[in-house]
Amino acid sequence: MLDSIFEPGVTGVSPFAIMLSLYLAYYVHNDARNHNNPRALLWAFATFMAWIIFFPLYWFKNMRGRES
């Protein structure tokens, strides 16, 4: 049953990968918006399209030196 989540769907991408991309884009957008980043939507879109590149880039660029 869980095997179907990881198999490519109609788009050629697994549903798990799409859900992961959506979640990370949502997280990045909310975090950027809460910290008044004027490019929050751009960061979210880039994270959705290529999260393996842009999520770590966002993390290191915007999270270092930030107080909790």
PDB file of N, CA and C in Angstrom:
ATOM      1  N   MET A   1       0.821  -1.199   0.000  1.00  0.00           N
ATOM      2  CA  MET A   1       0.000   0.000   0.000  1.00  0.00           C
ATOM      3  C   MET A   1       0.867   1.266   0.000  1.00  0.00           C
ATOM      4  N   LEU A   2       1.892   1.311   0.836  1.00  0.00           N
ATOM      5  CA  LEU A   2       2.746   2.485   0.871  1.00  0.00           C
ATOM      6  C   LEU A   2       3.641   2.583  -0.352  1.00  0.00           C
ATOM      7  N   ASP A   3       3.817   1.487  -1.058  1.00  0.00           N
ATOM      8  CA  ASP A   3       4.649   1.516  -2.260  1.00  0.00           C
ATOM      9  C   ASP A   3       4.087   2.452  -3.312  1.00  0.00           C
ATOM     10  N   SER A   4       2.777   2.591  -3.358  1.00  0.00           N
ATOM     11  CA  SER A   4       2.159   3.450  -4.379  1.00  0.00           C
ATOM     12  C   SER A   4       2.462   4.931  -4.147  1.00  0.00           C
ATOM     13  N   ILE A   5       2.782   5.304  -2.919  1.00  0.00           N
ATOM     14  CA  ILE A   5       3.115   6.703  -2.632  1.00  0.00           C
ATOM     15  C   ILE A   5       4.443   7.081  -3.275  1.00  0.00           C
ATOM     16  N   PHE A   6       5.370   6.135  -3.324  1.00  0.00           N
ATOM     17  CA  PHE A   6       6.710   6.429  -3.807  1.00  0.00           C
ATOM     18  C   PHE A   6       6.883   6.174  -5.308  1.00  0.00           C
ATOM     19  N   GLU A   7       5.900   5.567  -5.942  1.00  0.00           N
ATOM     20  CA  GLU A   7       5.986   5.311  -7.384  1.00  0.00           C
ATOM     21  C   GLU A   7       5.568   6.557  -8.163  1.00  0.00           C
ATOM     22  N   PRO A   8       6.216   6.815  -9.288  1.00  0.00           N
ATOM     23  CA  PRO A   8       5.832   7.986 -10.095  1.00  0.00           C
ATOM     24  C   PRO A   8       4.381   7.906 -10.549  1.00  0.00           C
ATOM     25  N   GLY A   9       3.718   9.028 -10.505  1.00  0.00           N
ATOM     26  CA  GLY A   9       2.326   9.093 -10.927  1.00  0.00           C
ATOM     27  C   GLY A   9       2.210   9.508 -12.379  1.00  0.00           C
ATOM     28  N   VAL A  10       1.102  10.109 -12.723  1.00  0.00           N
ATOM     29  CA  VAL A  10       0.826  10.546 -14.092  1.00  0.00           C
ATOM     30  C   VAL A  10       1.833  11.596 -14.543  1.00  0.00           C
ATOM     31  N   THR A  11       2.257  12.445 -13.629  1.00  0.00           N
ATOM     32  CA  THR A  11       3.190  13.523 -13.972  1.00  0.00           C
ATOM     33  C   THR A  11       4.640  13.051 -14.028  1.00  0.00           C
ATOM     34  N   GLY A  12       4.896  11.829 -13.613  1.00  0.00           N
ATOM     35  CA  GLY A  12       6.256  11.326 -13.582  1.00  0.00           C
ATOM     36  C   GLY A  12       6.953  11.597 -12.263  1.00  0.00           C
ATOM     37  N   VAL A  13       6.237  12.212 -11.321  1.00  0.00           N
ATOM     38  CA  VAL A  13       6.780  12.526 -10.007  1.00  0.00           C
ATOM     39  C   VAL A  13       5.913  11.810  -8.974  1.00  0.00           C
ATOM     40  N   SER A  14       6.540  11.279  -7.946  1.00  0.00           N
ATOM     41  CA  SER A  14       5.777  10.553  -6.930  1.00  0.00           C
ATOM     42  C   SER A  14       4.941  11.522  -6.093  1.00  0.00           C
ATOM     43  N   PRO A  15       3.796  11.076  -5.616  1.00  0.00           N
ATOM     44  CA  PRO A  15       2.973  11.934  -4.748  1.00  0.00           C
ATOM     45  C   PRO A  15       3.712  12.360  -3.478  1.00  0.00           C
ATOM     46  N   PHE A  16       4.591  11.502  -2.970  1.00  0.00           N
ATOM     47  CA  PHE A  16       5.376  11.852  -1.787  1.00  0.00           C
ATOM     48  C   PHE A  16       6.267  13.058  -2.056  1.00  0.00           C
ATOM     49  N   ALA A  17       6.914  13.079  -3.215  1.00  0.00           N
ATOM     50  CA  ALA A  17       7.793  14.199  -3.565  1.00  0.00           C
ATOM     51  C   ALA A  17       7.002  15.493  -3.720  1.00  0.00           C
ATOM     52  N   ILE A  18       5.813  15.412  -4.272  1.00  0.00           N
ATOM     53  CA  ILE A  18       4.964  16.601  -4.429  1.00  0.00           C
ATOM     54  C   ILE A  18       4.519  17.112  -3.063  1.00  0.00           C
ATOM     55  N   MET A  19       4.117  16.206  -2.177  1.00  0.00           N
ATOM     56  CA  MET A  19       3.697  16.617  -0.833  1.00  0.00           C
ATOM     57  C   MET A  19       4.864  17.229  -0.059  1.00  0.00           C
ATOM     58  N   LEU A  20       6.046  16.660  -0.194  1.00  0.00           N
ATOM     59  CA  LEU A  20       7.226  17.206   0.469  1.00  0.00           C
ATOM     60  C   LEU A  20       7.552  18.603  -0.057  1.00  0.00           C
ATOM     61  N   SER A  21       7.488  18.783  -1.359  1.00  0.00           N
ATOM     62  CA  SER A  21       7.758  20.095  -1.957  1.00  0.00           C
ATOM     63  C   SER A  21       6.738  21.130  -1.500  1.00  0.00           C
ATOM     64  N   LEU A  22       5.468  20.736  -1.452  1.00  0.00           N
ATOM     65  CA  LEU A  22       4.427  21.662  -0.992  1.00  0.00           C
ATOM     66  C   LEU A  22       4.633  22.047   0.469  1.00  0.00           C
ATOM     67  N   TYR A  23       4.955  21.081   1.301  1.00  0.00           N
ATOM     68  CA  TYR A  23       5.174  21.378   2.714  1.00  0.00           C
ATOM     69  C   TYR A  23       6.357  22.321   2.915  1.00  0.00           C
ATOM     70  N   LEU A  24       7.461  22.043   2.248  1.00  0.00           N
ATOM     71  CA  LEU A  24       8.646  22.894   2.401  1.00  0.00           C
ATOM     72  C   LEU A  24       8.399  24.305   1.859  1.00  0.00           C
ATOM     73  N   ALA A  25       7.677  24.406   0.739  1.00  0.00           N
ATOM     74  CA  ALA A  25       7.344  25.719   0.187  1.00  0.00           C
ATOM     75  C   ALA A  25       6.444  26.493   1.154  1.00  0.00           C
ATOM     76  N   TYR A  26       5.489  25.808   1.760  1.00  0.00           N
ATOM     77  CA  TYR A  26       4.604  26.427   2.752  1.00  0.00           C
ATOM     78  C   TYR A  26       5.405  26.926   3.956  1.00  0.00           C
ATOM     79  N   TYR A  27       6.329  26.100   4.435  1.00  0.00           N
ATOM     80  CA  TYR A  27       7.165  26.481   5.573  1.00  0.00           C
ATOM     81  C   TYR A  27       8.022  27.709   5.246  1.00  0.00           C
ATOM     82  N   VAL A  28       8.665  27.679   4.088  1.00  0.00           N
ATOM     83  CA  VAL A  28       9.531  28.791   3.687  1.00  0.00           C
ATOM     84  C   VAL A  28       8.718  30.076   3.525  1.00  0.00           C
ATOM     85  N   HIS A  29       7.557  29.981   2.892  1.00  0.00           N
ATOM     86  CA  HIS A  29       6.719  31.172   2.692  1.00  0.00           C
ATOM     87  C   HIS A  29       6.297  31.775   4.022  1.00  0.00           C
ATOM     88  N   ASN A  30       5.816  30.950   4.936  1.00  0.00           N
ATOM     89  CA  ASN A  30       5.383  31.469   6.236  1.00  0.00           C
ATOM     90  C   ASN A  30       6.544  32.059   7.027  1.00  0.00           C
ATOM     91  N   ASP A  31       7.688  31.403   7.001  1.00  0.00           N
ATOM     92  CA  ASP A  31       8.840  31.907   7.736  1.00  0.00           C
ATOM     93  C   ASP A  31       9.323  33.231   7.143  1.00  0.00           C
ATOM     94  N   ALA A  32       9.413  33.300   5.836  1.00  0.00           N
ATOM     95  CA  ALA A  32       9.871  34.533   5.188  1.00  0.00           C
ATOM     96  C   ALA A  32       8.884  35.675   5.419  1.00  0.00           C
ATOM     97  N   ARG A  33       7.596  35.378   5.344  1.00  0.00           N
ATOM     98  CA  ARG A  33       6.587  36.410   5.561  1.00  0.00           C
ATOM     99  C   ARG A  33       6.589  36.900   7.010  1.00  0.00           C
ATOM    100  N   ASN A  34       6.776  35.980   7.958  1.00  0.00           N
ATOM    101  CA  ASN A  34       6.812  36.363   9.375  1.00  0.00           C
ATOM    102  C   ASN A  34       8.028  37.205   9.714  1.00  0.00           C
ATOM    103  N   HIS A  35       9.078  37.105   8.908  1.00  0.00           N
ATOM    104  CA  HIS A  35      10.282  37.892   9.149  1.00  0.00           C
ATOM    105  C   HIS A  35      10.438  39.016   8.129  1.00  0.00           C
ATOM    106  N   ASN A  36       9.333  39.408   7.536  1.00  0.00           N
ATOM    107  CA  ASN A  36       9.252  40.564   6.631  1.00  0.00           C
ATOM    108  C   ASN A  36      10.223  40.488   5.459  1.00  0.00           C
ATOM    109  N   ASN A  37      10.368  39.323   4.895  1.00  0.00           N
ATOM    110  CA  ASN A  37      11.183  39.158   3.692  1.00  0.00           C
ATOM    111  C   ASN A  37      10.319  39.563   2.498  1.00  0.00           C
ATOM    112  N   PRO A  38      10.734  40.547   1.706  1.00  0.00           N
ATOM    113  CA  PRO A  38       9.890  41.008   0.601  1.00  0.00           C
ATOM    114  C   PRO A  38       9.767  39.979  -0.538  1.00  0.00           C
ATOM    115  N   ARG A  39      10.599  38.980  -0.555  1.00  0.00           N
ATOM    116  CA  ARG A  39      10.553  37.970  -1.621  1.00  0.00           C
ATOM    117  C   ARG A  39      10.050  36.624  -1.111  1.00  0.00           C
ATOM    118  N   ALA A  40       9.102  36.636  -0.195  1.00  0.00           N
ATOM    119  CA  ALA A  40       8.593  35.401   0.404  1.00  0.00           C
ATOM    120  C   ALA A  40       7.961  34.495  -0.642  1.00  0.00           C
ATOM    121  N   LEU A  41       7.176  35.062  -1.543  1.00  0.00           N
ATOM    122  CA  LEU A  41       6.512  34.251  -2.570  1.00  0.00           C
ATOM    123  C   LEU A  41       7.527  33.675  -3.547  1.00  0.00           C
ATOM    124  N   LEU A  42       8.525  34.431  -3.894  1.00  0.00           N
ATOM    125  CA  LEU A  42       9.574  33.937  -4.795  1.00  0.00           C
ATOM    126  C   LEU A  42      10.347  32.788  -4.151  1.00  0.00           C
ATOM    127  N   TRP A  43      10.695  32.926  -2.881  1.00  0.00           N
ATOM    128  CA  TRP A  43      11.385  31.851  -2.175  1.00  0.00           C
ATOM    129  C   TRP A  43      10.514  30.595  -2.120  1.00  0.00           C
ATOM    130  N   ALA A  44       9.218  30.770  -1.870  1.00  0.00           N
ATOM    131  CA  ALA A  44       8.313  29.618  -1.802  1.00  0.00           C
ATOM    132  C   ALA A  44       8.208  28.922  -3.158  1.00  0.00           C
ATOM    133  N   PHE A  45       8.073  29.683  -4.226  1.00  0.00           N
ATOM    134  CA  PHE A  45       7.974  29.096  -5.565  1.00  0.00           C
ATOM    135  C   PHE A  45       9.260  28.364  -5.937  1.00  0.00           C
ATOM    136  N   ALA A  46      10.391  28.978  -5.659  1.00  0.00           N
ATOM    137  CA  ALA A  46      11.678  28.338  -5.960  1.00  0.00           C
ATOM    138  C   ALA A  46      11.841  27.059  -5.144  1.00  0.00           C
ATOM    139  N   THR A  47      11.418  27.078  -3.895  1.00  0.00           N
ATOM    140  CA  THR A  47      11.506  25.887  -3.054  1.00  0.00           C
ATOM    141  C   THR A  47      10.608  24.786  -3.574  1.00  0.00           C
ATOM    142  N   PHE A  48       9.416  25.133  -4.042  1.00  0.00           N
ATOM    143  CA  PHE A  48       8.520  24.125  -4.597  1.00  0.00           C
ATOM    144  C   PHE A  48       9.102  23.496  -5.858  1.00  0.00           C
ATOM    145  N   MET A  49       9.684  24.305  -6.717  1.00  0.00           N
ATOM    146  CA  MET A  49      10.193  23.795  -7.990  1.00  0.00           C
ATOM    147  C   MET A  49      11.478  22.980  -7.823  1.00  0.00           C
ATOM    148  N   ALA A  50      12.364  23.382  -6.925  1.00  0.00           N
ATOM    149  CA  ALA A  50      13.647  22.700  -6.749  1.00  0.00           C
ATOM    150  C   ALA A  50      14.059  22.786  -5.284  1.00  0.00           C
ATOM    151  N   TRP A  51      13.355  22.075  -4.432  1.00  0.00           N
ATOM    152  CA  TRP A  51      13.588  22.194  -2.995  1.00  0.00           C
ATOM    153  C   TRP A  51      14.978  21.729  -2.583  1.00  0.00           C
ATOM    154  N   ILE A  52      15.543  20.800  -3.296  1.00  0.00           N
ATOM    155  CA  ILE A  52      16.850  20.260  -2.932  1.00  0.00           C
ATOM    156  C   ILE A  52      17.935  21.335  -3.027  1.00  0.00           C
ATOM    157  N   ILE A  53      17.701  22.361  -3.824  1.00  0.00           N
ATOM    158  CA  ILE A  53      18.649  23.469  -3.971  1.00  0.00           C
ATOM    159  C   ILE A  53      18.244  24.658  -3.097  1.00  0.00           C
ATOM    160  N   PHE A  54      16.985  25.078  -3.216  1.00  0.00           N
ATOM    161  CA  PHE A  54      16.573  26.341  -2.602  1.00  0.00           C
ATOM    162  C   PHE A  54      16.234  26.260  -1.122  1.00  0.00           C
ATOM    163  N   PHE A  55      15.807  25.107  -0.615  1.00  0.00           N
ATOM    164  CA  PHE A  55      15.536  25.025   0.824  1.00  0.00           C
ATOM    165  C   PHE A  55      16.816  25.191   1.636  1.00  0.00           C
ATOM    166  N   PRO A  56      17.903  24.466   1.331  1.00  0.00           N
ATOM    167  CA  PRO A  56      19.137  24.728   2.090  1.00  0.00           C
ATOM    168  C   PRO A  56      19.682  26.144   1.875  1.00  0.00           C
ATOM    169  N   LEU A  57      19.525  26.662   0.656  1.00  0.00           N
ATOM    170  CA  LEU A  57      19.979  28.023   0.379  1.00  0.00           C
ATOM    171  C   LEU A  57      19.215  29.026   1.231  1.00  0.00           C
ATOM    172  N   TYR A  58      17.894  28.885   1.296  1.00  0.00           N
ATOM    173  CA  TYR A  58      17.083  29.764   2.146  1.00  0.00           C
ATOM    174  C   TYR A  58      17.495  29.609   3.608  1.00  0.00           C
ATOM    175  N   TRP A  59      17.656  28.371   4.017  1.00  0.00           N
ATOM    176  CA  TRP A  59      17.981  28.098   5.415  1.00  0.00           C
ATOM    177  C   TRP A  59      19.277  28.793   5.832  1.00  0.00           C
ATOM    178  N   PHE A  60      20.335  28.618   5.040  1.00  0.00           N
ATOM    179  CA  PHE A  60      21.617  29.197   5.413  1.00  0.00           C
ATOM    180  C   PHE A  60      21.647  30.711   5.233  1.00  0.00           C
ATOM    181  N   LYS A  61      20.928  31.214   4.252  1.00  0.00           N
ATOM    182  CA  LYS A  61      20.932  32.657   4.005  1.00  0.00           C
ATOM    183  C   LYS A  61      20.112  33.417   5.044  1.00  0.00           C
ATOM    184  N   ASN A  62      18.988  32.862   5.449  1.00  0.00           N
ATOM    185  CA  ASN A  62      18.057  33.607   6.288  1.00  0.00           C
ATOM    186  C   ASN A  62      17.972  33.144   7.742  1.00  0.00           C
ATOM    187  N   MET A  63      18.527  32.004   8.070  1.00  0.00           N
ATOM    188  CA  MET A  63      18.373  31.497   9.425  1.00  0.00           C
ATOM    189  C   MET A  63      19.619  31.732  10.284  1.00  0.00           C
ATOM    190  N   ARG A  64      20.773  31.921   9.693  1.00  0.00           N
ATOM    191  CA  ARG A  64      21.979  32.127  10.492  1.00  0.00           C
ATOM    192  C   ARG A  64      21.902  33.441  11.246  1.00  0.00           C
ATOM    193  N   GLY A  65      22.253  33.395  12.496  1.00  0.00           N
ATOM    194  CA  GLY A  65      22.279  34.607  13.301  1.00  0.00           C
ATOM    195  C   GLY A  65      20.926  35.067  13.797  1.00  0.00           C
ATOM    196  N   ARG A  66      19.883  34.314  13.504  1.00  0.00           N
ATOM    197  CA  ARG A  66      18.538  34.704  13.928  1.00  0.00           C
ATOM    198  C   ARG A  66      18.291  34.209  15.347  1.00  0.00           C
ATOM    199  N   GLU A  67      17.752  35.084  16.157  1.00  0.00           N
ATOM    200  CA  GLU A  67      17.379  34.701  17.529  1.00  0.00           C
ATOM    201  C   GLU A  67      16.127  33.854  17.475  1.00  0.00           C
ATOM    202  N   SER A  68      15.963  32.947  18.404  1.00  0.00           N
ATOM    203  CA  SER A  68      14.791  32.056  18.427  1.00  0.00           C
ATOM    204  C   SER A  68      13.527  32.809  18.705  1.00  0.00           C
TER     205      SER A  68
END
